[in-house]
Amino acid sequence: MAQRPQLVLASASPRRLDLLARIGVVPDAIIPAEIDETPLKDELPPTHAARLAAEKAAAVARAGAVTLAADTVVAAGRRILPKAEDE
């Protein structure tokens, strides 16, 4: 019987861990990706989120493992809003 590949989560977000736990998924490794999340000039919110998720996945990828990466962007129309600094 083939062993399943290791699951690497490219995030330390408690919310992402909770969402995975709700469907019975527990990552084998949690490796927060350290990338520059500054939007590019004229970058639209969906493009920005997709680019960051891809960069996070690439930053923590391990041979033979499945990497799960995502990003959440808050926007008002075409404008990407900065992350909240506190609750």
PDB file of N, CA and C in Angstrom:
ATOM      1  N   MET A   1       0.836  -1.181   0.000  1.00  0.00           N
ATOM      2  CA  MET A   1       0.000   0.000   0.000  1.00  0.00           C
ATOM      3  C   MET A   1       0.882   1.245   0.000  1.00  0.00           C
ATOM      4  N   ALA A   2       0.604   2.176  -0.900  1.00  0.00           N
ATOM      5  CA  ALA A   2       1.410   3.388  -1.021  1.00  0.00           C
ATOM      6  C   ALA A   2       1.121   4.337   0.139  1.00  0.00           C
ATOM      7  N   GLN A   3       2.172   4.952   0.621  1.00  0.00           N
ATOM      8  CA  GLN A   3       2.029   5.914   1.708  1.00  0.00           C
ATOM      9  C   GLN A   3       1.552   7.242   1.122  1.00  0.00           C
ATOM     10  N   ARG A   4       0.650   7.931   1.808  1.00  0.00           N
ATOM     11  CA  ARG A   4       0.172   9.210   1.305  1.00  0.00           C
ATOM     12  C   ARG A   4       1.274  10.264   1.419  1.00  0.00           C
ATOM     13  N   PRO A   5       1.273  11.235   0.512  1.00  0.00           N
ATOM     14  CA  PRO A   5       2.296  12.286   0.601  1.00  0.00           C
ATOM     15  C   PRO A   5       2.068  13.163   1.822  1.00  0.00           C
ATOM     16  N   GLN A   6       3.123  13.767   2.290  1.00  0.00           N
ATOM     17  CA  GLN A   6       3.040  14.680   3.426  1.00  0.00           C
ATOM     18  C   GLN A   6       2.286  15.937   2.993  1.00  0.00           C
ATOM     19  N   LEU A   7       1.437  16.490   3.867  1.00  0.00           N
ATOM     20  CA  LEU A   7       0.722  17.732   3.602  1.00  0.00           C
ATOM     21  C   LEU A   7       1.400  18.870   4.347  1.00  0.00           C
ATOM     22  N   VAL A   8       1.851  19.870   3.611  1.00  0.00           N
ATOM     23  CA  VAL A   8       2.500  21.043   4.186  1.00  0.00           C
ATOM     24  C   VAL A   8       1.550  22.228   4.041  1.00  0.00           C
ATOM     25  N   LEU A   9       1.247  22.895   5.145  1.00  0.00           N
ATOM     26  CA  LEU A   9       0.419  24.091   5.126  1.00  0.00           C
ATOM     27  C   LEU A   9       1.338  25.307   5.159  1.00  0.00           C
ATOM     28  N   ALA A  10       1.217  26.152   4.148  1.00  0.00           N
ATOM     29  CA  ALA A  10       2.078  27.338   4.033  1.00  0.00           C
ATOM     30  C   ALA A  10       1.432  28.525   4.756  1.00  0.00           C
ATOM     31  N   SER A  11       1.047  28.317   6.002  1.00  0.00           N
ATOM     32  CA  SER A  11       0.373  29.359   6.770  1.00  0.00           C
ATOM     33  C   SER A  11       0.358  28.981   8.245  1.00  0.00           C
ATOM     34  N   ALA A  12       0.443  29.996   9.088  1.00  0.00           N
ATOM     35  CA  ALA A  12       0.285  29.762  10.532  1.00  0.00           C
ATOM     36  C   ALA A  12      -1.057  30.313  11.002  1.00  0.00           C
ATOM     37  N   SER A  13      -1.968  30.570  10.054  1.00  0.00           N
ATOM     38  CA  SER A  13      -3.269  31.144  10.373  1.00  0.00           C
ATOM     39  C   SER A  13      -4.112  30.175  11.200  1.00  0.00           C
ATOM     40  N   PRO A  14      -4.527  30.584  12.392  1.00  0.00           N
ATOM     41  CA  PRO A  14      -5.410  29.728  13.193  1.00  0.00           C
ATOM     42  C   PRO A  14      -6.723  29.438  12.454  1.00  0.00           C
ATOM     43  N   ARG A  15      -7.192  30.381  11.676  1.00  0.00           N
ATOM     44  CA  ARG A  15      -8.447  30.203  10.925  1.00  0.00           C
ATOM     45  C   ARG A  15      -8.296  29.100   9.882  1.00  0.00           C
ATOM     46  N   ARG A  16      -7.185  29.073   9.169  1.00  0.00           N
ATOM     47  CA  ARG A  16      -6.978  28.021   8.167  1.00  0.00           C
ATOM     48  C   ARG A  16      -6.876  26.648   8.829  1.00  0.00           C
ATOM     49  N   LEU A  17      -6.193  26.581   9.968  1.00  0.00           N
ATOM     50  CA  LEU A  17      -6.095  25.313  10.697  1.00  0.00           C
ATOM     51  C   LEU A  17      -7.473  24.849  11.155  1.00  0.00           C
ATOM     52  N   ASP A  18      -8.293  25.783  11.628  1.00  0.00           N
ATOM     53  CA  ASP A  18      -9.646  25.450  12.067  1.00  0.00           C
ATOM     54  C   ASP A  18     -10.489  24.939  10.898  1.00  0.00           C
ATOM     55  N   LEU A  19     -10.406  25.602   9.766  1.00  0.00           N
ATOM     56  CA  LEU A  19     -11.168  25.161   8.597  1.00  0.00           C
ATOM     57  C   LEU A  19     -10.766  23.754   8.165  1.00  0.00           C
ATOM     58  N   LEU A  20      -9.471  23.475   8.169  1.00  0.00           N
ATOM     59  CA  LEU A  20      -9.000  22.139   7.806  1.00  0.00           C
ATOM     60  C   LEU A  20      -9.470  21.105   8.828  1.00  0.00           C
ATOM     61  N   ALA A  21      -9.393  21.444  10.102  1.00  0.00           N
ATOM     62  CA  ALA A  21      -9.808  20.511  11.157  1.00  0.00           C
ATOM     63  C   ALA A  21     -11.283  20.154  11.022  1.00  0.00           C
ATOM     64  N   ARG A  22     -12.090  21.098  10.576  1.00  0.00           N
ATOM     65  CA  ARG A  22     -13.528  20.854  10.414  1.00  0.00           C
ATOM     66  C   ARG A  22     -13.825  19.786   9.371  1.00  0.00           C
ATOM     67  N   ILE A  23     -12.896  19.588   8.439  1.00  0.00           N
ATOM     68  CA  ILE A  23     -13.100  18.532   7.443  1.00  0.00           C
ATOM     69  C   ILE A  23     -12.171  17.338   7.699  1.00  0.00           C
ATOM     70  N   GLY A  24     -11.576  17.317   8.898  1.00  0.00           N
ATOM     71  CA  GLY A  24     -10.763  16.179   9.297  1.00  0.00           C
ATOM     72  C   GLY A  24      -9.368  16.138   8.711  1.00  0.00           C
ATOM     73  N   VAL A  25      -8.860  17.297   8.298  1.00  0.00           N
ATOM     74  CA  VAL A  25      -7.518  17.350   7.708  1.00  0.00           C
ATOM     75  C   VAL A  25      -6.554  17.987   8.705  1.00  0.00           C
ATOM     76  N   VAL A  26      -5.464  17.281   8.988  1.00  0.00           N
ATOM     77  CA  VAL A  26      -4.428  17.792   9.881  1.00  0.00           C
ATOM     78  C   VAL A  26      -3.117  17.815   9.091  1.00  0.00           C
ATOM     79  N   PRO A  27      -2.532  19.003   8.881  1.00  0.00           N
ATOM     80  CA  PRO A  27      -1.274  19.070   8.132  1.00  0.00           C
ATOM     81  C   PRO A  27      -0.156  18.338   8.864  1.00  0.00           C
ATOM     82  N   ASP A  28       0.753  17.759   8.085  1.00  0.00           N
ATOM     83  CA  ASP A  28       1.931  17.120   8.673  1.00  0.00           C
ATOM     84  C   ASP A  28       2.960  18.159   9.101  1.00  0.00           C
ATOM     85  N   ALA A  29       2.953  19.306   8.413  1.00  0.00           N
ATOM     86  CA  ALA A  29       3.888  20.384   8.741  1.00  0.00           C
ATOM     87  C   ALA A  29       3.192  21.716   8.497  1.00  0.00           C
ATOM     88  N   ILE A  30       3.503  22.675   9.357  1.00  0.00           N
ATOM     89  CA  ILE A  30       2.998  24.042   9.203  1.00  0.00           C
ATOM     90  C   ILE A  30       4.218  24.934   9.053  1.00  0.00           C
ATOM     91  N   ILE A  31       4.366  25.512   7.870  1.00  0.00           N
ATOM     92  CA  ILE A  31       5.537  26.339   7.576  1.00  0.00           C
ATOM     93  C   ILE A  31       5.051  27.680   7.031  1.00  0.00           C
ATOM     94  N   PRO A  32       4.986  28.706   7.871  1.00  0.00           N
ATOM     95  CA  PRO A  32       4.564  30.006   7.359  1.00  0.00           C
ATOM     96  C   PRO A  32       5.553  30.519   6.314  1.00  0.00           C
ATOM     97  N   ALA A  33       5.038  30.974   5.204  1.00  0.00           N
ATOM     98  CA  ALA A  33       5.879  31.505   4.140  1.00  0.00           C
ATOM     99  C   ALA A  33       6.231  32.960   4.445  1.00  0.00           C
ATOM    100  N   GLU A  34       7.484  33.268   4.351  1.00  0.00           N
ATOM    101  CA  GLU A  34       7.952  34.637   4.576  1.00  0.00           C
ATOM    102  C   GLU A  34       8.166  35.285   3.218  1.00  0.00           C
ATOM    103  N   ILE A  35       7.122  35.946   2.710  1.00  0.00           N
ATOM    104  CA  ILE A  35       7.222  36.602   1.410  1.00  0.00           C
ATOM    105  C   ILE A  35       6.783  38.057   1.538  1.00  0.00           C
ATOM    106  N   ASP A  36       7.153  38.873   0.565  1.00  0.00           N
ATOM    107  CA  ASP A  36       6.715  40.263   0.506  1.00  0.00           C
ATOM    108  C   ASP A  36       5.282  40.265  -0.030  1.00  0.00           C
ATOM    109  N   GLU A  37       4.345  40.770   0.747  1.00  0.00           N
ATOM    110  CA  GLU A  37       2.938  40.759   0.350  1.00  0.00           C
ATOM    111  C   GLU A  37       2.474  42.105  -0.202  1.00  0.00           C
ATOM    112  N   THR A  38       3.413  42.958  -0.558  1.00  0.00           N
ATOM    113  CA  THR A  38       3.070  44.258  -1.124  1.00  0.00           C
ATOM    114  C   THR A  38       2.421  44.089  -2.491  1.00  0.00           C
ATOM    115  N   PRO A  39       1.258  44.716  -2.709  1.00  0.00           N
ATOM    116  CA  PRO A  39       0.639  44.620  -4.032  1.00  0.00           C
ATOM    117  C   PRO A  39       1.523  45.263  -5.102  1.00  0.00           C
ATOM    118  N   LEU A  40       1.511  44.689  -6.285  1.00  0.00           N
ATOM    119  CA  LEU A  40       2.227  45.270  -7.415  1.00  0.00           C
ATOM    120  C   LEU A  40       1.423  46.448  -7.958  1.00  0.00           C
ATOM    121  N   LYS A  41       2.083  47.347  -8.650  1.00  0.00           N
ATOM    122  CA  LYS A  41       1.403  48.516  -9.231  1.00  0.00           C
ATOM    123  C   LYS A  41       0.260  48.053 -10.130  1.00  0.00           C
ATOM    124  N   ASP A  42      -0.920  48.602  -9.910  1.00  0.00           N
ATOM    125  CA  ASP A  42      -2.134  48.307 -10.683  1.00  0.00           C
ATOM    126  C   ASP A  42      -2.617  46.862 -10.573  1.00  0.00           C
ATOM    127  N   GLU A  43      -2.146  46.115  -9.554  1.00  0.00           N
ATOM    128  CA  GLU A  43      -2.575  44.727  -9.378  1.00  0.00           C
ATOM    129  C   GLU A  43      -3.990  44.692  -8.792  1.00  0.00           C
ATOM    130  N   LEU A  44      -4.865  43.933  -9.419  1.00  0.00           N
ATOM    131  CA  LEU A  44      -6.239  43.805  -8.944  1.00  0.00           C
ATOM    132  C   LEU A  44      -6.313  42.767  -7.816  1.00  0.00           C
ATOM    133  N   PRO A  45      -7.301  42.885  -6.922  1.00  0.00           N
ATOM    134  CA  PRO A  45      -7.393  41.978  -5.774  1.00  0.00           C
ATOM    135  C   PRO A  45      -7.350  40.478  -6.116  1.00  0.00           C
ATOM    136  N   PRO A  46      -8.114  39.972  -7.104  1.00  0.00           N
ATOM    137  CA  PRO A  46      -8.037  38.531  -7.381  1.00  0.00           C
ATOM    138  C   PRO A  46      -6.658  38.086  -7.869  1.00  0.00           C
ATOM    139  N   THR A  47      -6.031  38.920  -8.679  1.00  0.00           N
ATOM    140  CA  THR A  47      -4.691  38.604  -9.185  1.00  0.00           C
ATOM    141  C   THR A  47      -3.683  38.621  -8.048  1.00  0.00           C
ATOM    142  N   HIS A  48      -3.828  39.586  -7.159  1.00  0.00           N
ATOM    143  CA  HIS A  48      -2.930  39.710  -5.999  1.00  0.00           C
ATOM    144  C   HIS A  48      -3.028  38.467  -5.106  1.00  0.00           C
ATOM    145  N   ALA A  49      -4.258  38.059  -4.784  1.00  0.00           N
ATOM    146  CA  ALA A  49      -4.448  36.888  -3.926  1.00  0.00           C
ATOM    147  C   ALA A  49      -3.877  35.630  -4.566  1.00  0.00           C
ATOM    148  N   ALA A  50      -4.112  35.442  -5.851  1.00  0.00           N
ATOM    149  CA  ALA A  50      -3.600  34.257  -6.551  1.00  0.00           C
ATOM    150  C   ALA A  50      -2.073  34.267  -6.603  1.00  0.00           C
ATOM    151  N   ARG A  51      -1.490  35.439  -6.841  1.00  0.00           N
ATOM    152  CA  ARG A  51      -0.020  35.540  -6.900  1.00  0.00           C
ATOM    153  C   ARG A  51       0.590  35.211  -5.542  1.00  0.00           C
ATOM    154  N   LEU A  52       0.018  35.775  -4.473  1.00  0.00           N
ATOM    155  CA  LEU A  52       0.567  35.517  -3.141  1.00  0.00           C
ATOM    156  C   LEU A  52       0.452  34.042  -2.765  1.00  0.00           C
ATOM    157  N   ALA A  53      -0.673  33.419  -3.078  1.00  0.00           N
ATOM    158  CA  ALA A  53      -0.831  31.992  -2.772  1.00  0.00           C
ATOM    159  C   ALA A  53       0.217  31.169  -3.509  1.00  0.00           C
ATOM    160  N   ALA A  54       0.455  31.484  -4.774  1.00  0.00           N
ATOM    161  CA  ALA A  54       1.464  30.747  -5.557  1.00  0.00           C
ATOM    162  C   ALA A  54       2.864  30.972  -4.992  1.00  0.00           C
ATOM    163  N   GLU A  55       3.174  32.206  -4.608  1.00  0.00           N
ATOM    164  CA  GLU A  55       4.499  32.498  -4.041  1.00  0.00           C
ATOM    165  C   GLU A  55       4.691  31.805  -2.695  1.00  0.00           C
ATOM    166  N   LYS A  56       3.646  31.759  -1.890  1.00  0.00           N
ATOM    167  CA  LYS A  56       3.737  31.068  -0.598  1.00  0.00           C
ATOM    168  C   LYS A  56       3.978  29.576  -0.806  1.00  0.00           C
ATOM    169  N   ALA A  57       3.246  28.985  -1.734  1.00  0.00           N
ATOM    170  CA  ALA A  57       3.429  27.558  -2.020  1.00  0.00           C
ATOM    171  C   ALA A  57       4.853  27.280  -2.490  1.00  0.00           C
ATOM    172  N   ALA A  58       5.357  28.109  -3.382  1.00  0.00           N
ATOM    173  CA  ALA A  58       6.711  27.921  -3.903  1.00  0.00           C
ATOM    174  C   ALA A  58       7.761  28.094  -2.803  1.00  0.00           C
ATOM    175  N   ALA A  59       7.510  29.004  -1.878  1.00  0.00           N
ATOM    176  CA  ALA A  59       8.484  29.295  -0.820  1.00  0.00           C
ATOM    177  C   ALA A  59       8.670  28.141   0.162  1.00  0.00           C
ATOM    178  N   VAL A  60       7.635  27.326   0.361  1.00  0.00           N
ATOM    179  CA  VAL A  60       7.728  26.261   1.361  1.00  0.00           C
ATOM    180  C   VAL A  60       7.656  24.857   0.771  1.00  0.00           C
ATOM    181  N   ALA A  61       7.586  24.747  -0.547  1.00  0.00           N
ATOM    182  CA  ALA A  61       7.438  23.444  -1.202  1.00  0.00           C
ATOM    183  C   ALA A  61       8.564  22.484  -0.813  1.00  0.00           C
ATOM    184  N   ARG A  62       8.187  21.227  -0.628  1.00  0.00           N
ATOM    185  CA  ARG A  62       9.139  20.156  -0.316  1.00  0.00           C
ATOM    186  C   ARG A  62       8.938  19.038  -1.324  1.00  0.00           C
ATOM    187  N   ALA A  63      10.012  18.441  -1.755  1.00  0.00           N
ATOM    188  CA  ALA A  63       9.926  17.337  -2.720  1.00  0.00           C
ATOM    189  C   ALA A  63       9.057  16.220  -2.148  1.00  0.00           C
ATOM    190  N   GLY A  64       8.131  15.720  -2.939  1.00  0.00           N
ATOM    191  CA  GLY A  64       7.286  14.610  -2.536  1.00  0.00           C
ATOM    192  C   GLY A  64       6.122  14.978  -1.639  1.00  0.00           C
ATOM    193  N   ALA A  65       5.978  16.253  -1.299  1.00  0.00           N
ATOM    194  CA  ALA A  65       4.893  16.686  -0.415  1.00  0.00           C
ATOM    195  C   ALA A  65       3.859  17.471  -1.214  1.00  0.00           C
ATOM    196  N   VAL A  66       2.651  17.507  -0.685  1.00  0.00           N
ATOM    197  CA  VAL A  66       1.593  18.352  -1.229  1.00  0.00           C
ATOM    198  C   VAL A  66       1.581  19.619  -0.385  1.00  0.00           C
ATOM    199  N   THR A  67       1.638  20.772  -1.043  1.00  0.00           N
ATOM    200  CA  THR A  67       1.655  22.046  -0.334  1.00  0.00           C
ATOM    201  C   THR A  67       0.318  22.751  -0.515  1.00  0.00           C
ATOM    202  N   LEU A  68      -0.247  23.206   0.590  1.00  0.00           N
ATOM    203  CA  LEU A  68      -1.497  23.950   0.565  1.00  0.00           C
ATOM    204  C   LEU A  68      -1.192  25.386   0.960  1.00  0.00           C
ATOM    205  N   ALA A  69      -1.511  26.312   0.051  1.00  0.00           N
ATOM    206  CA  ALA A  69      -1.278  27.733   0.315  1.00  0.00           C
ATOM    207  C   ALA A  69      -2.486  28.516  -0.164  1.00  0.00           C
ATOM    208  N   ALA A  70      -2.776  29.596   0.532  1.00  0.00           N
ATOM    209  CA  ALA A  70      -3.895  30.460   0.163  1.00  0.00           C
ATOM    210  C   ALA A  70      -3.588  31.863   0.650  1.00  0.00           C
ATOM    211  N   ASP A  71      -4.389  32.808   0.190  1.00  0.00           N
ATOM    212  CA  ASP A  71      -4.255  34.159   0.710  1.00  0.00           C
ATOM    213  C   ASP A  71      -5.621  34.812   0.687  1.00  0.00           C
ATOM    214  N   THR A  72      -5.854  35.653   1.662  1.00  0.00           N
ATOM    215  CA  THR A  72      -7.098  36.397   1.755  1.00  0.00           C
ATOM    216  C   THR A  72      -6.781  37.867   1.533  1.00  0.00           C
ATOM    217  N   VAL A  73      -7.554  38.494   0.670  1.00  0.00           N
ATOM    218  CA  VAL A  73      -7.366  39.914   0.382  1.00  0.00           C
ATOM    219  C   VAL A  73      -8.693  40.616   0.635  1.00  0.00           C
ATOM    220  N   VAL A  74      -8.629  41.705   1.386  1.00  0.00           N
ATOM    221  CA  VAL A  74      -9.817  42.529   1.604  1.00  0.00           C
ATOM    222  C   VAL A  74      -9.712  43.703   0.647  1.00  0.00           C
ATOM    223  N   ALA A  75     -10.795  43.924  -0.096  1.00  0.00           N
ATOM    224  CA  ALA A  75     -10.765  44.969  -1.106  1.00  0.00           C
ATOM    225  C   ALA A  75     -12.056  45.769  -1.103  1.00  0.00           C
ATOM    226  N   ALA A  76     -11.949  46.974  -1.590  1.00  0.00           N
ATOM    227  CA  ALA A  76     -13.114  47.824  -1.843  1.00  0.00           C
ATOM    228  C   ALA A  76     -13.052  48.142  -3.332  1.00  0.00           C
ATOM    229  N   GLY A  77     -13.856  47.426  -4.090  1.00  0.00           N
ATOM    230  CA  GLY A  77     -13.771  47.569  -5.542  1.00  0.00           C
ATOM    231  C   GLY A  77     -12.434  47.061  -6.038  1.00  0.00           C
ATOM    232  N   ARG A  78     -11.687  47.904  -6.725  1.00  0.00           N
ATOM    233  CA  ARG A  78     -10.380  47.523  -7.273  1.00  0.00           C
ATOM    234  C   ARG A  78      -9.245  47.811  -6.283  1.00  0.00           C
ATOM    235  N   ARG A  79      -9.566  48.423  -5.147  1.00  0.00           N
ATOM    236  CA  ARG A  79      -8.543  48.845  -4.177  1.00  0.00           C
ATOM    237  C   ARG A  79      -8.305  47.767  -3.126  1.00  0.00           C
ATOM    238  N   ILE A  80      -7.050  47.366  -2.969  1.00  0.00           N
ATOM    239  CA  ILE A  80      -6.668  46.394  -1.939  1.00  0.00           C
ATOM    240  C   ILE A  80      -6.459  47.149  -0.636  1.00  0.00           C
ATOM    241  N   LEU A  81      -7.169  46.728   0.400  1.00  0.00           N
ATOM    242  CA  LEU A  81      -7.060  47.390   1.707  1.00  0.00           C
ATOM    243  C   LEU A  81      -5.927  46.763   2.504  1.00  0.00           C
ATOM    244  N   PRO A  82      -5.254  47.559   3.336  1.00  0.00           N
ATOM    245  CA  PRO A  82      -4.171  46.998   4.161  1.00  0.00           C
ATOM    246  C   PRO A  82      -4.731  46.052   5.217  1.00  0.00           C
ATOM    247  N   LYS A  83      -3.850  45.149   5.695  1.00  0.00           N
ATOM    248  CA  LYS A  83      -4.254  44.222   6.763  1.00  0.00           C
ATOM    249  C   LYS A  83      -4.469  45.004   8.054  1.00  0.00           C
ATOM    250  N   ALA A  84      -5.439  44.547   8.835  1.00  0.00           N
ATOM    251  CA  ALA A  84      -5.707  45.175  10.129  1.00  0.00           C
ATOM    252  C   ALA A  84      -4.511  44.958  11.042  1.00  0.00           C
ATOM    253  N   GLU A  85      -4.176  45.981  11.803  1.00  0.00           N
ATOM    254  CA  GLU A  85      -3.029  45.875  12.702  1.00  0.00           C
ATOM    255  C   GLU A  85      -3.399  45.305  14.061  1.00  0.00           C
ATOM    256  N   ASP A  86      -4.695  45.330  14.403  1.00  0.00           N
ATOM    257  CA  ASP A  86      -5.163  44.755  15.661  1.00  0.00           C
ATOM    258  C   ASP A  86      -6.640  44.402  15.515  1.00  0.00           C
ATOM    259  N   GLU A  87      -7.200  43.800  16.543  1.00  0.00           N
ATOM    260  CA  GLU A  87      -8.603  43.394  16.505  1.00  0.00           C
ATOM    261  C   GLU A  87      -9.508  44.587  16.447  1.00  0.00           C
TER     262      GLU A  87
END
